Amino acid sequence: MPVMDGLEATRRIRRLPGLAQVPIIATSATMTGELRLKSLAAGAGAFIAKPIEREALLEAIRGLLGLTWRYGEARSTVY
């Protein structure tokens, strides 16, 4: 981002009224333990390395929102 990086954006979002608890998932192609820790310290609730894998994203969403995924048969809808 030209004006600020994702860490600063996360910190600013956390300071905005009403957004302190909004779920934030940080992502980067640079997967280092240090960047992960910095992202979480800035206020991200989860960190996922790029390329983003579907299961990792779903697990992060599940954890942040306290969801339980339910899987069943696919239903077809005819319009």
PDB file of N, CA and C in Angstrom:
ATOM      1  N   MET A   1       0.865  -1.171   0.000  1.00  0.00           N
ATOM      2  CA  MET A   1       0.000   0.000   0.000  1.00  0.00           C
ATOM      3  C   MET A   1       0.908   1.229   0.000  1.00  0.00           C
ATOM      4  N   PRO A   2       0.570   2.204  -0.774  1.00  0.00           N
ATOM      5  CA  PRO A   2       1.460   3.361  -0.900  1.00  0.00           C
ATOM      6  C   PRO A   2       1.538   4.250   0.342  1.00  0.00           C
ATOM      7  N   VAL A   3       0.504   4.335   1.147  1.00  0.00           N
ATOM      8  CA  VAL A   3       0.483   5.264   2.275  1.00  0.00           C
ATOM      9  C   VAL A   3       0.951   4.605   3.566  1.00  0.00           C
ATOM     10  N   MET A   4       0.594   3.345   3.765  1.00  0.00           N
ATOM     11  CA  MET A   4       0.974   2.635   4.991  1.00  0.00           C
ATOM     12  C   MET A   4       1.005   1.143   4.717  1.00  0.00           C
ATOM     13  N   ASP A   5       1.684   0.420   5.585  1.00  0.00           N
ATOM     14  CA  ASP A   5       1.706  -1.029   5.414  1.00  0.00           C
ATOM     15  C   ASP A   5       0.536  -1.665   6.161  1.00  0.00           C
ATOM     16  N   GLY A   6       0.393  -2.966   6.006  1.00  0.00           N
ATOM     17  CA  GLY A   6      -0.726  -3.672   6.622  1.00  0.00           C
ATOM     18  C   GLY A   6      -0.701  -3.640   8.141  1.00  0.00           C
ATOM     19  N   LEU A   7       0.496  -3.607   8.715  1.00  0.00           N
ATOM     20  CA  LEU A   7       0.586  -3.550  10.177  1.00  0.00           C
ATOM     21  C   LEU A   7       0.009  -2.237  10.701  1.00  0.00           C
ATOM     22  N   GLU A   8       0.373  -1.133  10.051  1.00  0.00           N
ATOM     23  CA  GLU A   8      -0.156   0.165  10.479  1.00  0.00           C
ATOM     24  C   GLU A   8      -1.656   0.258  10.213  1.00  0.00           C
ATOM     25  N   ALA A   9      -2.095  -0.276   9.083  1.00  0.00           N
ATOM     26  CA  ALA A   9      -3.534  -0.280   8.784  1.00  0.00           C
ATOM     27  C   ALA A   9      -4.298  -1.047   9.859  1.00  0.00           C
ATOM     28  N   THR A  10      -3.761  -2.183  10.271  1.00  0.00           N
ATOM     29  CA  THR A  10      -4.403  -2.982  11.328  1.00  0.00           C
ATOM     30  C   THR A  10      -4.461  -2.204  12.631  1.00  0.00           C
ATOM     31  N   ARG A  11      -3.353  -1.565  13.002  1.00  0.00           N
ATOM     32  CA  ARG A  11      -3.346  -0.766  14.237  1.00  0.00           C
ATOM     33  C   ARG A  11      -4.385   0.353  14.184  1.00  0.00           C
ATOM     34  N   ARG A  12      -4.500   1.007  13.033  1.00  0.00           N
ATOM     35  CA  ARG A  12      -5.467   2.113  12.911  1.00  0.00           C
ATOM     36  C   ARG A  12      -6.908   1.604  12.951  1.00  0.00           C
ATOM     37  N   ILE A  13      -7.160   0.471  12.326  1.00  0.00           N
ATOM     38  CA  ILE A  13      -8.508  -0.111  12.374  1.00  0.00           C
ATOM     39  C   ILE A  13      -8.885  -0.403  13.816  1.00  0.00           C
ATOM     40  N   ARG A  14      -7.967  -0.945  14.579  1.00  0.00           N
ATOM     41  CA  ARG A  14      -8.239  -1.277  15.976  1.00  0.00           C
ATOM     42  C   ARG A  14      -8.553  -0.047  16.828  1.00  0.00           C
ATOM     43  N   ARG A  15      -8.065   1.110  16.426  1.00  0.00           N
ATOM     44  CA  ARG A  15      -8.329   2.342  17.178  1.00  0.00           C
ATOM     45  C   ARG A  15      -9.649   3.015  16.790  1.00  0.00           C
ATOM     46  N   LEU A  16     -10.274   2.579  15.718  1.00  0.00           N
ATOM     47  CA  LEU A  16     -11.528   3.191  15.276  1.00  0.00           C
ATOM     48  C   LEU A  16     -12.700   2.704  16.133  1.00  0.00           C
ATOM     49  N   PRO A  17     -13.580   3.636  16.522  1.00  0.00           N
ATOM     50  CA  PRO A  17     -14.752   3.233  17.313  1.00  0.00           C
ATOM     51  C   PRO A  17     -15.573   2.178  16.561  1.00  0.00           C
ATOM     52  N   GLY A  18     -15.938   1.138  17.259  1.00  0.00           N
ATOM     53  CA  GLY A  18     -16.769   0.101  16.676  1.00  0.00           C
ATOM     54  C   GLY A  18     -16.018  -0.971  15.903  1.00  0.00           C
ATOM     55  N   LEU A  19     -14.720  -0.790  15.676  1.00  0.00           N
ATOM     56  CA  LEU A  19     -13.977  -1.773  14.898  1.00  0.00           C
ATOM     57  C   LEU A  19     -12.918  -2.515  15.713  1.00  0.00           C
ATOM     58  N   ALA A  20     -12.893  -2.272  16.993  1.00  0.00           N
ATOM     59  CA  ALA A  20     -11.878  -2.900  17.838  1.00  0.00           C
ATOM     60  C   ALA A  20     -11.967  -4.425  17.817  1.00  0.00           C
ATOM     61  N   GLN A  21     -13.153  -4.961  17.600  1.00  0.00           N
ATOM     62  CA  GLN A  21     -13.336  -6.415  17.631  1.00  0.00           C
ATOM     63  C   GLN A  21     -13.569  -7.034  16.256  1.00  0.00           C
ATOM     64  N   VAL A  22     -13.510  -6.226  15.194  1.00  0.00           N
ATOM     65  CA  VAL A  22     -13.743  -6.773  13.859  1.00  0.00           C
ATOM     66  C   VAL A  22     -12.634  -7.789  13.534  1.00  0.00           C
ATOM     67  N   PRO A  23     -12.996  -8.945  12.994  1.00  0.00           N
ATOM     68  CA  PRO A  23     -11.981  -9.945  12.678  1.00  0.00           C
ATOM     69  C   PRO A  23     -11.061  -9.466  11.549  1.00  0.00           C
ATOM     70  N   ILE A  24      -9.769  -9.609  11.747  1.00  0.00           N
ATOM     71  CA  ILE A  24      -8.776  -9.260  10.733  1.00  0.00           C
ATOM     72  C   ILE A  24      -7.881 -10.462  10.522  1.00  0.00           C
ATOM     73  N   ILE A  25      -7.747 -10.872   9.260  1.00  0.00           N
ATOM     74  CA  ILE A  25      -6.839 -11.948   8.900  1.00  0.00           C
ATOM     75  C   ILE A  25      -5.708 -11.317   8.096  1.00  0.00           C
ATOM     76  N   ALA A  26      -4.498 -11.370   8.627  1.00  0.00           N
ATOM     77  CA  ALA A  26      -3.333 -10.848   7.922  1.00  0.00           C
ATOM     78  C   ALA A  26      -2.821 -11.925   6.967  1.00  0.00           C
ATOM     79  N   THR A  27      -2.267 -11.480   5.844  1.00  0.00           N
ATOM     80  CA  THR A  27      -1.717 -12.420   4.881  1.00  0.00           C
ATOM     81  C   THR A  27      -0.485 -11.817   4.228  1.00  0.00           C
ATOM     82  N   SER A  28       0.456 -12.665   3.898  1.00  0.00           N
ATOM     83  CA  SER A  28       1.683 -12.203   3.265  1.00  0.00           C
ATOM     84  C   SER A  28       2.354 -13.363   2.558  1.00  0.00           C
ATOM     85  N   ALA A  29       3.073 -13.038   1.484  1.00  0.00           N
ATOM     86  CA  ALA A  29       3.859 -14.054   0.796  1.00  0.00           C
ATOM     87  C   ALA A  29       5.136 -14.346   1.571  1.00  0.00           C
ATOM     88  N   THR A  30       5.483 -13.440   2.472  1.00  0.00           N
ATOM     89  CA  THR A  30       6.657 -13.631   3.321  1.00  0.00           C
ATOM     90  C   THR A  30       6.215 -14.281   4.613  1.00  0.00           C
ATOM     91  N   MET A  31       6.480 -15.556   4.735  1.00  0.00           N
ATOM     92  CA  MET A  31       6.038 -16.272   5.930  1.00  0.00           C
ATOM     93  C   MET A  31       7.208 -16.419   6.888  1.00  0.00           C
ATOM     94  N   THR A  32       7.313 -15.470   7.799  1.00  0.00           N
ATOM     95  CA  THR A  32       8.319 -15.588   8.844  1.00  0.00           C
ATOM     96  C   THR A  32       7.598 -15.541  10.181  1.00  0.00           C
ATOM     97  N   GLY A  33       8.196 -16.170  11.157  1.00  0.00           N
ATOM     98  CA  GLY A  33       7.614 -16.134  12.495  1.00  0.00           C
ATOM     99  C   GLY A  33       7.535 -14.717  13.018  1.00  0.00           C
ATOM    100  N   GLU A  34       8.538 -13.901  12.662  1.00  0.00           N
ATOM    101  CA  GLU A  34       8.561 -12.519  13.123  1.00  0.00           C
ATOM    102  C   GLU A  34       7.393 -11.720  12.551  1.00  0.00           C
ATOM    103  N   LEU A  35       7.130 -11.864  11.245  1.00  0.00           N
ATOM    104  CA  LEU A  35       6.019 -11.133  10.630  1.00  0.00           C
ATOM    105  C   LEU A  35       4.692 -11.602  11.199  1.00  0.00           C
ATOM    106  N   ARG A  36       4.559 -12.897  11.431  1.00  0.00           N
ATOM    107  CA  ARG A  36       3.329 -13.419  12.036  1.00  0.00           C
ATOM    108  C   ARG A  36       3.110 -12.800  13.410  1.00  0.00           C
ATOM    109  N   LEU A  37       4.154 -12.769  14.234  1.00  0.00           N
ATOM    110  CA  LEU A  37       4.043 -12.187  15.572  1.00  0.00           C
ATOM    111  C   LEU A  37       3.741 -10.693  15.517  1.00  0.00           C
ATOM    112  N   LYS A  38       4.368  -9.974  14.590  1.00  0.00           N
ATOM    113  CA  LYS A  38       4.102  -8.537  14.444  1.00  0.00           C
ATOM    114  C   LYS A  38       2.653  -8.295  14.020  1.00  0.00           C
ATOM    115  N   SER A  39       2.140  -9.131  13.132  1.00  0.00           N
ATOM    116  CA  SER A  39       0.757  -8.990  12.665  1.00  0.00           C
ATOM    117  C   SER A  39      -0.223  -9.217  13.806  1.00  0.00           C
ATOM    118  N   LEU A  40       0.020 -10.261  14.588  1.00  0.00           N
ATOM    119  CA  LEU A  40      -0.863 -10.547  15.715  1.00  0.00           C
ATOM    120  C   LEU A  40      -0.754  -9.455  16.780  1.00  0.00           C
ATOM    121  N   ALA A  41       0.445  -8.931  17.014  1.00  0.00           N
ATOM    122  CA  ALA A  41       0.630  -7.851  17.986  1.00  0.00           C
ATOM    123  C   ALA A  41      -0.050  -6.565  17.528  1.00  0.00           C
ATOM    124  N   ALA A  42      -0.119  -6.353  16.213  1.00  0.00           N
ATOM    125  CA  ALA A  42      -0.773  -5.158  15.672  1.00  0.00           C
ATOM    126  C   ALA A  42      -2.292  -5.247  15.785  1.00  0.00           C
ATOM    127  N   GLY A  43      -2.819  -6.465  15.990  1.00  0.00           N
ATOM    128  CA  GLY A  43      -4.259  -6.612  16.162  1.00  0.00           C
ATOM    129  C   GLY A  43      -4.932  -7.613  15.257  1.00  0.00           C
ATOM    130  N   ALA A  44      -4.171  -8.257  14.377  1.00  0.00           N
ATOM    131  CA  ALA A  44      -4.772  -9.290  13.534  1.00  0.00           C
ATOM    132  C   ALA A  44      -5.140 -10.484  14.404  1.00  0.00           C
ATOM    133  N   GLY A  45      -6.219 -11.129  14.061  1.00  0.00           N
ATOM    134  CA  GLY A  45      -6.651 -12.300  14.816  1.00  0.00           C
ATOM    135  C   GLY A  45      -6.070 -13.588  14.289  1.00  0.00           C
ATOM    136  N   ALA A  46      -5.566 -13.545  13.053  1.00  0.00           N
ATOM    137  CA  ALA A  46      -4.988 -14.733  12.428  1.00  0.00           C
ATOM    138  C   ALA A  46      -4.012 -14.287  11.353  1.00  0.00           C
ATOM    139  N   PHE A  47      -3.135 -15.178  10.970  1.00  0.00           N
ATOM    140  CA  PHE A  47      -2.160 -14.911   9.909  1.00  0.00           C
ATOM    141  C   PHE A  47      -2.122 -16.116   8.994  1.00  0.00           C
ATOM    142  N   ILE A  48      -2.222 -15.867   7.679  1.00  0.00           N
ATOM    143  CA  ILE A  48      -2.179 -16.925   6.682  1.00  0.00           C
ATOM    144  C   ILE A  48      -1.130 -16.552   5.641  1.00  0.00           C
ATOM    145  N   ALA A  49      -0.272 -17.504   5.316  1.00  0.00           N
ATOM    146  CA  ALA A  49       0.747 -17.281   4.297  1.00  0.00           C
ATOM    147  C   ALA A  49       0.139 -17.433   2.898  1.00  0.00           C
ATOM    148  N   LYS A  50       0.658 -16.659   1.955  1.00  0.00           N
ATOM    149  CA  LYS A  50       0.279 -16.803   0.552  1.00  0.00           C
ATOM    150  C   LYS A  50       1.172 -17.855  -0.078  1.00  0.00           C
ATOM    151  N   PRO A  51       0.718 -18.579  -1.054  1.00  0.00           N
ATOM    152  CA  PRO A  51      -0.636 -18.538  -1.593  1.00  0.00           C
ATOM    153  C   PRO A  51      -1.623 -19.100  -0.577  1.00  0.00           C
ATOM    154  N   ILE A  52      -2.766 -18.474  -0.510  1.00  0.00           N
ATOM    155  CA  ILE A  52      -3.760 -18.841   0.495  1.00  0.00           C
ATOM    156  C   ILE A  52      -4.424 -20.159   0.115  1.00  0.00           C
ATOM    157  N   GLU A  53      -4.365 -21.083   1.042  1.00  0.00           N
ATOM    158  CA  GLU A  53      -5.030 -22.369   0.843  1.00  0.00           C
ATOM    159  C   GLU A  53      -6.434 -22.293   1.429  1.00  0.00           C
ATOM    160  N   ARG A  54      -7.365 -22.860   0.712  1.00  0.00           N
ATOM    161  CA  ARG A  54      -8.778 -22.806   1.101  1.00  0.00           C
ATOM    162  C   ARG A  54      -8.992 -23.273   2.538  1.00  0.00           C
ATOM    163  N   GLU A  55      -8.426 -24.397   2.901  1.00  0.00           N
ATOM    164  CA  GLU A  55      -8.644 -24.949   4.240  1.00  0.00           C
ATOM    165  C   GLU A  55      -8.069 -24.039   5.325  1.00  0.00           C
ATOM    166  N   ALA A  56      -6.917 -23.430   5.053  1.00  0.00           N
ATOM    167  CA  ALA A  56      -6.319 -22.511   6.034  1.00  0.00           C
ATOM    168  C   ALA A  56      -7.214 -21.291   6.226  1.00  0.00           C
ATOM    169  N   LEU A  57      -7.772 -20.778   5.136  1.00  0.00           N
ATOM    170  CA  LEU A  57      -8.670 -19.625   5.230  1.00  0.00           C
ATOM    171  C   LEU A  57      -9.945 -19.991   5.988  1.00  0.00           C
ATOM    172  N   LEU A  58     -10.535 -21.118   5.654  1.00  0.00           N
ATOM    173  CA  LEU A  58     -11.752 -21.544   6.350  1.00  0.00           C
ATOM    174  C   LEU A  58     -11.504 -21.768   7.838  1.00  0.00           C
ATOM    175  N   GLU A  59     -10.342 -22.317   8.178  1.00  0.00           N
ATOM    176  CA  GLU A  59     -10.017 -22.548   9.578  1.00  0.00           C
ATOM    177  C   GLU A  59      -9.837 -21.228  10.319  1.00  0.00           C
ATOM    178  N   ALA A  60      -9.198 -20.249   9.675  1.00  0.00           N
ATOM    179  CA  ALA A  60      -9.026 -18.934  10.298  1.00  0.00           C
ATOM    180  C   ALA A  60     -10.387 -18.261  10.516  1.00  0.00           C
ATOM    181  N   ILE A  61     -11.250 -18.321   9.530  1.00  0.00           N
ATOM    182  CA  ILE A  61     -12.592 -17.734   9.649  1.00  0.00           C
ATOM    183  C   ILE A  61     -13.371 -18.438  10.759  1.00  0.00           C
ATOM    184  N   ARG A  62     -13.306 -19.768  10.773  1.00  0.00           N
ATOM    185  CA  ARG A  62     -14.002 -20.537  11.805  1.00  0.00           C
ATOM    186  C   ARG A  62     -13.536 -20.136  13.197  1.00  0.00           C
ATOM    187  N   GLY A  63     -12.242 -20.044  13.370  1.00  0.00           N
ATOM    188  CA  GLY A  63     -11.703 -19.701  14.672  1.00  0.00           C
ATOM    189  C   GLY A  63     -12.060 -18.294  15.118  1.00  0.00           C
ATOM    190  N   LEU A  64     -11.968 -17.340  14.205  1.00  0.00           N
ATOM    191  CA  LEU A  64     -12.248 -15.943  14.566  1.00  0.00           C
ATOM    192  C   LEU A  64     -13.723 -15.692  14.854  1.00  0.00           C
ATOM    193  N   LEU A  65     -14.588 -16.402  14.149  1.00  0.00           N
ATOM    194  CA  LEU A  65     -16.027 -16.176  14.318  1.00  0.00           C
ATOM    195  C   LEU A  65     -16.698 -17.200  15.217  1.00  0.00           C
ATOM    196  N   GLY A  66     -15.952 -18.187  15.688  1.00  0.00           N
ATOM    197  CA  GLY A  66     -16.526 -19.214  16.550  1.00  0.00           C
ATOM    198  C   GLY A  66     -17.556 -20.069  15.840  1.00  0.00           C
ATOM    199  N   LEU A  67     -17.293 -20.388  14.594  1.00  0.00           N
ATOM    200  CA  LEU A  67     -18.246 -21.147  13.785  1.00  0.00           C
ATOM    201  C   LEU A  67     -18.004 -22.638  13.886  1.00  0.00           C
ATOM    202  N   THR A  68     -19.027 -23.385  13.536  1.00  0.00           N
ATOM    203  CA  THR A  68     -18.909 -24.822  13.346  1.00  0.00           C
ATOM    204  C   THR A  68     -19.383 -25.092  11.924  1.00  0.00           C
ATOM    205  N   TRP A  69     -18.480 -25.613  11.110  1.00  0.00           N
ATOM    206  CA  TRP A  69     -18.859 -25.895   9.733  1.00  0.00           C
ATOM    207  C   TRP A  69     -19.723 -27.144   9.688  1.00  0.00           C
ATOM    208  N   ARG A  70     -20.789 -27.070   8.925  1.00  0.00           N
ATOM    209  CA  ARG A  70     -21.678 -28.212   8.727  1.00  0.00           C
ATOM    210  C   ARG A  70     -21.603 -28.609   7.262  1.00  0.00           C
ATOM    211  N   TYR A  71     -21.317 -29.851   7.029  1.00  0.00           N
ATOM    212  CA  TYR A  71     -21.221 -30.351   5.665  1.00  0.00           C
ATOM    213  C   TYR A  71     -22.343 -31.348   5.435  1.00  0.00           C
ATOM    214  N   GLY A  72     -22.912 -31.270   4.285  1.00  0.00           N
ATOM    215  CA  GLY A  72     -23.995 -32.190   3.953  1.00  0.00           C
ATOM    216  C   GLY A  72     -24.066 -32.355   2.449  1.00  0.00           C
ATOM    217  N   GLU A  73     -25.121 -32.957   2.023  1.00  0.00           N
ATOM    218  CA  GLU A  73     -25.304 -33.159   0.595  1.00  0.00           C
ATOM    219  C   GLU A  73     -25.583 -31.829  -0.083  1.00  0.00           C
ATOM    220  N   ALA A  74     -25.034 -31.693  -1.262  1.00  0.00           N
ATOM    221  CA  ALA A  74     -25.284 -30.486  -2.058  1.00  0.00           C
ATOM    222  C   ALA A  74     -26.729 -30.499  -2.527  1.00  0.00           C
ATOM    223  N   ARG A  75     -27.348 -29.361  -2.465  1.00  0.00           N
ATOM    224  CA  ARG A  75     -28.736 -29.230  -2.919  1.00  0.00           C
ATOM    225  C   ARG A  75     -28.727 -28.463  -4.232  1.00  0.00           C
ATOM    226  N   SER A  76     -29.507 -28.908  -5.163  1.00  0.00           N
ATOM    227  CA  SER A  76     -29.622 -28.170  -6.425  1.00  0.00           C
ATOM    228  C   SER A  76     -30.929 -27.395  -6.394  1.00  0.00           C
ATOM    229  N   THR A  77     -30.857 -26.187  -6.875  1.00  0.00           N
ATOM    230  CA  THR A  77     -32.043 -25.338  -6.946  1.00  0.00           C
ATOM    231  C   THR A  77     -32.377 -25.105  -8.411  1.00  0.00           C
ATOM    232  N   VAL A  78     -33.603 -25.320  -8.741  1.00  0.00           N
ATOM    233  CA  VAL A  78     -34.048 -25.108 -10.125  1.00  0.00           C
ATOM    234  C   VAL A  78     -34.871 -23.829 -10.149  1.00  0.00           C
ATOM    235  N   TYR A  79     -34.506 -22.961 -11.053  1.00  0.00           N
ATOM    236  CA  TYR A  79     -35.243 -21.688 -11.204  1.00  0.00           C
ATOM    237  C   TYR A  79     -36.055 -21.692 -12.457  1.00  0.00           C
TER     238      TYR A  79
END
